[in-house]
Amino acid sequence: MVEEKQRWIPPFKDSLVDRLRPMVVMVGALEVVIGLTLAMLVILYGHDYNEMYATVDTGLISLMSFGGLIVLVISGIMLLTSVLYKKKKLMRYHILISTLLCVYIFALSVMKIHFALLVLERDIRKLILPESRHFLVSNACVIGITTMSGSVIHFIANVTVFTYYNLKHLRPILFNCGP
């Protein structure tokens, strides 16, 4: 008997999409919660935050941080809406905004570290106690490094969302094997 050759279709992993969905919902919920919490902290302690980086006159660091956190909250709401209502286009916009936000957060962290080092260089002789000088600069640098690690974590979450989008929406179209 001659077997008919069938067209090769890569296996569609519904289980992987089902496993990624709760993680994507968690990413969206955490973006909203963390963004709102940190935005409240920036609002409440904005003056001290700017004082640490010597941008009291302009409020540059707190304004940039607050803007990034608001975009994070909007991005999380977009992700939750796109997953719950199955909106492909909204998820594409979320992936684009989230990628740009990763770059923005990384640039913000570099600026925070830069401003902390400028404060150290400018105020090195003004501060009497070396312990207080090291404490302020280490706090400012730790906040900058924490912001940088937040950018990396956000990038990993963005890769998870992109993988979900790819498996859910693009793979069935590309390989003609889905619903």
C-alpha atoms as a PDB file:
ATOM      1  CA  MET A   1       0.000   0.000   0.000  1.00  0.00           C
ATOM      2  CA  VAL A   2       1.225   3.409  -0.883  1.00  0.00           C
ATOM      3  CA  GLU A   3       0.900   5.940   1.855  1.00  0.00           C
ATOM      4  CA  GLU A   4      -0.144   9.384   0.891  1.00  0.00           C
ATOM      5  CA  LYS A   5       2.268  12.071   1.894  1.00  0.00           C
ATOM      6  CA  GLN A   6       0.575  14.597   4.042  1.00  0.00           C
ATOM      7  CA  ARG A   7       1.660  18.144   4.420  1.00  0.00           C
ATOM      8  CA  TRP A   8       3.778  18.616   7.541  1.00  0.00           C
ATOM      9  CA  ILE A   9       2.046  20.710  10.142  1.00  0.00           C
ATOM     10  CA  PRO A  10       3.955  21.630  13.279  1.00  0.00           C
ATOM     11  CA  PRO A  11       2.128  20.572  16.417  1.00  0.00           C
ATOM     12  CA  PHE A  12       0.074  23.350  17.930  1.00  0.00           C
ATOM     13  CA  LYS A  13       0.602  23.501  21.656  1.00  0.00           C
ATOM     14  CA  ASP A  14      -2.682  24.608  23.134  1.00  0.00           C
ATOM     15  CA  SER A  15      -1.413  23.620  26.531  1.00  0.00           C
ATOM     16  CA  LEU A  16       1.484  26.091  26.299  1.00  0.00           C
ATOM     17  CA  VAL A  17      -0.887  28.925  25.441  1.00  0.00           C
ATOM     18  CA  ASP A  18      -3.133  27.878  28.326  1.00  0.00           C
ATOM     19  CA  ARG A  19      -0.136  27.857  30.671  1.00  0.00           C
ATOM     20  CA  LEU A  20       1.061  31.272  29.556  1.00  0.00           C
ATOM     21  CA  ARG A  21      -2.328  32.979  29.916  1.00  0.00           C
ATOM     22  CA  PRO A  22      -2.300  33.185  33.751  1.00  0.00           C
ATOM     23  CA  MET A  23       1.257  34.507  33.643  1.00  0.00           C
ATOM     24  CA  VAL A  24       0.252  37.203  31.164  1.00  0.00           C
ATOM     25  CA  VAL A  25      -2.724  38.183  33.346  1.00  0.00           C
ATOM     26  CA  MET A  26      -0.392  38.285  36.359  1.00  0.00           C
ATOM     27  CA  VAL A  27       2.061  40.507  34.447  1.00  0.00           C
ATOM     28  CA  GLY A  28      -0.758  42.932  33.599  1.00  0.00           C
ATOM     29  CA  ALA A  29      -2.102  42.995  37.154  1.00  0.00           C
ATOM     30  CA  LEU A  30       1.362  43.500  38.639  1.00  0.00           C
ATOM     31  CA  GLU A  31       2.093  46.317  36.200  1.00  0.00           C
ATOM     32  CA  VAL A  32      -1.024  48.123  37.401  1.00  0.00           C
ATOM     33  CA  VAL A  33      -0.461  47.489  41.125  1.00  0.00           C
ATOM     34  CA  ILE A  34       3.276  48.240  41.153  1.00  0.00           C
ATOM     35  CA  GLY A  35       2.834  51.286  38.923  1.00  0.00           C
ATOM     36  CA  LEU A  36       0.119  52.785  41.133  1.00  0.00           C
ATOM     37  CA  THR A  37       2.006  52.032  44.351  1.00  0.00           C
ATOM     38  CA  LEU A  38       5.273  53.542  43.158  1.00  0.00           C
ATOM     39  CA  ALA A  39       3.460  56.539  41.636  1.00  0.00           C
ATOM     40  CA  MET A  40       1.896  57.232  45.042  1.00  0.00           C
ATOM     41  CA  LEU A  41       5.333  57.042  46.650  1.00  0.00           C
ATOM     42  CA  VAL A  42       6.761  59.461  44.094  1.00  0.00           C
ATOM     43  CA  ILE A  43       3.862  61.856  44.732  1.00  0.00           C
ATOM     44  CA  LEU A  44       4.230  61.634  48.520  1.00  0.00           C
ATOM     45  CA  TYR A  45       8.035  61.813  48.660  1.00  0.00           C
ATOM     46  CA  GLY A  46       8.751  63.719  45.442  1.00  0.00           C
ATOM     47  CA  HIS A  47      10.535  66.598  47.154  1.00  0.00           C
ATOM     48  CA  ASP A  48      12.889  64.300  49.062  1.00  0.00           C
ATOM     49  CA  TYR A  49      13.384  62.273  45.906  1.00  0.00           C
ATOM     50  CA  ASN A  50      14.447  65.366  43.959  1.00  0.00           C
ATOM     51  CA  GLU A  51      16.597  66.556  46.838  1.00  0.00           C
ATOM     52  CA  MET A  52      18.555  63.326  46.794  1.00  0.00           C
ATOM     53  CA  TYR A  53      19.394  63.870  43.115  1.00  0.00           C
ATOM     54  CA  ALA A  54      19.785  67.670  43.408  1.00  0.00           C
ATOM     55  CA  THR A  55      16.964  68.402  40.962  1.00  0.00           C
ATOM     56  CA  VAL A  56      14.736  70.316  43.385  1.00  0.00           C
ATOM     57  CA  ASP A  57      14.385  73.326  41.065  1.00  0.00           C
ATOM     58  CA  THR A  58      13.283  71.385  38.008  1.00  0.00           C
ATOM     59  CA  GLY A  59      11.787  68.261  39.565  1.00  0.00           C
ATOM     60  CA  LEU A  60      13.208  66.330  36.634  1.00  0.00           C
ATOM     61  CA  ILE A  61      13.778  62.939  38.251  1.00  0.00           C
ATOM     62  CA  SER A  62      10.408  62.749  40.008  1.00  0.00           C
ATOM     63  CA  LEU A  63       8.592  63.976  36.893  1.00  0.00           C
ATOM     64  CA  MET A  64      10.320  61.409  34.680  1.00  0.00           C
ATOM     65  CA  SER A  65       9.708  58.644  37.222  1.00  0.00           C
ATOM     66  CA  PHE A  66       6.045  59.576  37.586  1.00  0.00           C
ATOM     67  CA  GLY A  67       5.581  59.687  33.806  1.00  0.00           C
ATOM     68  CA  GLY A  68       7.144  56.250  33.395  1.00  0.00           C
ATOM     69  CA  LEU A  69       4.967  54.816  36.151  1.00  0.00           C
ATOM     70  CA  ILE A  70       1.794  56.211  34.593  1.00  0.00           C
ATOM     71  CA  VAL A  71       2.762  54.643  31.255  1.00  0.00           C
ATOM     72  CA  LEU A  72       3.382  51.378  33.144  1.00  0.00           C
ATOM     73  CA  VAL A  73      -0.140  51.494  34.613  1.00  0.00           C
ATOM     74  CA  ILE A  74      -1.690  52.271  31.224  1.00  0.00           C
ATOM     75  CA  SER A  75       0.323  49.457  29.668  1.00  0.00           C
ATOM     76  CA  GLY A  76      -0.910  47.010  32.317  1.00  0.00           C
ATOM     77  CA  ILE A  77      -4.519  48.053  31.754  1.00  0.00           C
ATOM     78  CA  MET A  78      -4.043  47.587  28.006  1.00  0.00           C
ATOM     79  CA  LEU A  79      -2.634  44.102  28.571  1.00  0.00           C
ATOM     80  CA  LEU A  80      -5.462  43.034  30.868  1.00  0.00           C
ATOM     81  CA  THR A  81      -8.055  44.408  28.462  1.00  0.00           C
ATOM     82  CA  SER A  82      -6.461  42.691  25.476  1.00  0.00           C
ATOM     83  CA  VAL A  83      -6.283  39.314  27.230  1.00  0.00           C
ATOM     84  CA  LEU A  84      -9.764  39.410  28.736  1.00  0.00           C
ATOM     85  CA  TYR A  85     -11.527  40.651  25.594  1.00  0.00           C
ATOM     86  CA  LYS A  86      -9.251  38.907  23.058  1.00  0.00           C
ATOM     87  CA  LYS A  87      -8.132  42.082  21.297  1.00  0.00           C
ATOM     88  CA  LYS A  88      -5.101  41.310  19.110  1.00  0.00           C
ATOM     89  CA  LYS A  89      -4.453  44.874  18.036  1.00  0.00           C
ATOM     90  CA  LEU A  90      -4.447  46.155  21.605  1.00  0.00           C
ATOM     91  CA  MET A  91      -1.925  43.481  22.578  1.00  0.00           C
ATOM     92  CA  ARG A  92       0.312  44.595  19.694  1.00  0.00           C
ATOM     93  CA  TYR A  93       0.151  48.153  21.007  1.00  0.00           C
ATOM     94  CA  HIS A  94       0.956  46.892  24.492  1.00  0.00           C
ATOM     95  CA  ILE A  95       4.032  45.053  23.221  1.00  0.00           C
ATOM     96  CA  LEU A  96       5.230  48.184  21.404  1.00  0.00           C
ATOM     97  CA  ILE A  97       4.630  50.485  24.374  1.00  0.00           C
ATOM     98  CA  SER A  98       6.151  47.971  26.769  1.00  0.00           C
ATOM     99  CA  THR A  99       9.306  47.672  24.670  1.00  0.00           C
ATOM    100  CA  LEU A 100       9.676  51.450  24.529  1.00  0.00           C
ATOM    101  CA  LEU A 101       9.041  51.578  28.274  1.00  0.00           C
ATOM    102  CA  CYS A 102      11.891  49.115  28.896  1.00  0.00           C
ATOM    103  CA  VAL A 103      14.277  51.435  27.059  1.00  0.00           C
ATOM    104  CA  TYR A 104      12.868  54.454  28.910  1.00  0.00           C
ATOM    105  CA  ILE A 105      13.262  52.812  32.323  1.00  0.00           C
ATOM    106  CA  PHE A 106      16.840  51.821  31.498  1.00  0.00           C
ATOM    107  CA  ALA A 107      17.680  55.386  30.404  1.00  0.00           C
ATOM    108  CA  LEU A 108      16.034  56.725  33.572  1.00  0.00           C
ATOM    109  CA  SER A 109      18.151  54.429  35.735  1.00  0.00           C
ATOM    110  CA  VAL A 110      21.326  55.622  33.997  1.00  0.00           C
ATOM    111  CA  MET A 111      20.238  59.224  34.619  1.00  0.00           C
ATOM    112  CA  LYS A 112      19.610  58.478  38.297  1.00  0.00           C
ATOM    113  CA  ILE A 113      23.071  56.985  38.732  1.00  0.00           C
ATOM    114  CA  HIS A 114      24.588  59.904  36.806  1.00  0.00           C
ATOM    115  CA  PHE A 115      22.833  62.501  38.975  1.00  0.00           C
ATOM    116  CA  ALA A 116      23.864  60.640  42.130  1.00  0.00           C
ATOM    117  CA  LEU A 117      27.502  60.763  41.056  1.00  0.00           C
ATOM    118  CA  LEU A 118      27.194  64.463  40.181  1.00  0.00           C
ATOM    119  CA  VAL A 119      25.812  65.163  43.650  1.00  0.00           C
ATOM    120  CA  LEU A 120      28.738  63.283  45.161  1.00  0.00           C
ATOM    121  CA  GLU A 121      31.241  65.241  43.103  1.00  0.00           C
ATOM    122  CA  ARG A 122      29.618  68.611  43.847  1.00  0.00           C
ATOM    123  CA  ASP A 123      28.952  68.113  47.550  1.00  0.00           C
ATOM    124  CA  ILE A 124      32.064  66.163  48.469  1.00  0.00           C
ATOM    125  CA  ARG A 125      33.496  68.991  50.555  1.00  0.00           C
ATOM    126  CA  LYS A 126      30.191  70.387  51.858  1.00  0.00           C
ATOM    127  CA  LEU A 127      29.165  67.339  53.833  1.00  0.00           C
ATOM    128  CA  ILE A 128      30.930  67.165  57.138  1.00  0.00           C
ATOM    129  CA  LEU A 129      30.447  63.538  58.052  1.00  0.00           C
ATOM    130  CA  PRO A 130      31.733  61.041  55.500  1.00  0.00           C
ATOM    131  CA  GLU A 131      29.184  58.513  56.755  1.00  0.00           C
ATOM    132  CA  SER A 132      26.283  60.735  55.755  1.00  0.00           C
ATOM    133  CA  ARG A 133      27.852  61.410  52.352  1.00  0.00           C
ATOM    134  CA  HIS A 134      28.287  57.715  51.661  1.00  0.00           C
ATOM    135  CA  PHE A 135      24.763  56.998  52.903  1.00  0.00           C
ATOM    136  CA  LEU A 136      23.117  59.544  50.579  1.00  0.00           C
ATOM    137  CA  VAL A 137      25.123  58.544  47.530  1.00  0.00           C
ATOM    138  CA  SER A 138      24.677  54.846  48.172  1.00  0.00           C
ATOM    139  CA  ASN A 139      20.906  55.359  48.513  1.00  0.00           C
ATOM    140  CA  ALA A 140      20.770  57.294  45.256  1.00  0.00           C
ATOM    141  CA  CYS A 141      22.871  54.702  43.422  1.00  0.00           C
ATOM    142  CA  VAL A 142      20.883  51.801  44.894  1.00  0.00           C
ATOM    143  CA  ILE A 143      17.650  53.392  43.669  1.00  0.00           C
ATOM    144  CA  GLY A 144      19.224  53.763  40.212  1.00  0.00           C
ATOM    145  CA  ILE A 145      20.413  50.157  40.164  1.00  0.00           C
ATOM    146  CA  THR A 146      17.010  48.967  41.397  1.00  0.00           C
ATOM    147  CA  THR A 147      15.399  50.902  38.567  1.00  0.00           C
ATOM    148  CA  MET A 148      17.791  49.205  36.147  1.00  0.00           C
ATOM    149  CA  SER A 149      16.877  45.764  37.490  1.00  0.00           C
ATOM    150  CA  GLY A 150      13.216  46.758  37.140  1.00  0.00           C
ATOM    151  CA  SER A 151      13.904  47.408  33.469  1.00  0.00           C
ATOM    152  CA  VAL A 152      15.364  43.914  33.090  1.00  0.00           C
ATOM    153  CA  ILE A 153      12.403  42.316  34.887  1.00  0.00           C
ATOM    154  CA  HIS A 154       9.997  44.307  32.713  1.00  0.00           C
ATOM    155  CA  PHE A 155      11.850  43.083  29.616  1.00  0.00           C
ATOM    156  CA  ILE A 156      11.449  39.453  30.741  1.00  0.00           C
ATOM    157  CA  ALA A 157       7.727  40.058  31.284  1.00  0.00           C
ATOM    158  CA  ASN A 158       7.563  41.630  27.832  1.00  0.00           C
ATOM    159  CA  VAL A 159       9.154  38.514  26.315  1.00  0.00           C
ATOM    160  CA  THR A 160       6.517  36.390  28.071  1.00  0.00           C
ATOM    161  CA  VAL A 161       3.708  38.519  26.643  1.00  0.00           C
ATOM    162  CA  PHE A 162       5.276  38.415  23.175  1.00  0.00           C
ATOM    163  CA  THR A 163       5.585  34.619  23.362  1.00  0.00           C
ATOM    164  CA  TYR A 164       1.918  34.361  24.331  1.00  0.00           C
ATOM    165  CA  TYR A 165       0.936  36.669  21.476  1.00  0.00           C
ATOM    166  CA  ASN A 166       3.087  34.727  19.025  1.00  0.00           C
ATOM    167  CA  LEU A 167       1.691  31.323  20.007  1.00  0.00           C
ATOM    168  CA  LYS A 168      -1.903  32.504  20.283  1.00  0.00           C
ATOM    169  CA  HIS A 169      -2.265  34.763  17.266  1.00  0.00           C
ATOM    170  CA  LEU A 170       0.660  34.489  14.834  1.00  0.00           C
ATOM    171  CA  ARG A 171       1.516  30.807  14.760  1.00  0.00           C
ATOM    172  CA  PRO A 172      -1.923  29.600  13.601  1.00  0.00           C
ATOM    173  CA  ILE A 173      -1.791  32.097  10.740  1.00  0.00           C
ATOM    174  CA  LEU A 174       1.798  31.351   9.714  1.00  0.00           C
ATOM    175  CA  PHE A 175       1.515  27.570   9.725  1.00  0.00           C
ATOM    176  CA  ASN A 176      -2.175  27.334   8.849  1.00  0.00           C
ATOM    177  CA  CYS A 177      -2.739  24.942  11.725  1.00  0.00           C
ATOM    178  CA  GLY A 178      -4.979  26.735  14.163  1.00  0.00           C
ATOM    179  CA  PRO A 179      -8.599  27.676  14.531  1.00  0.00           C
END
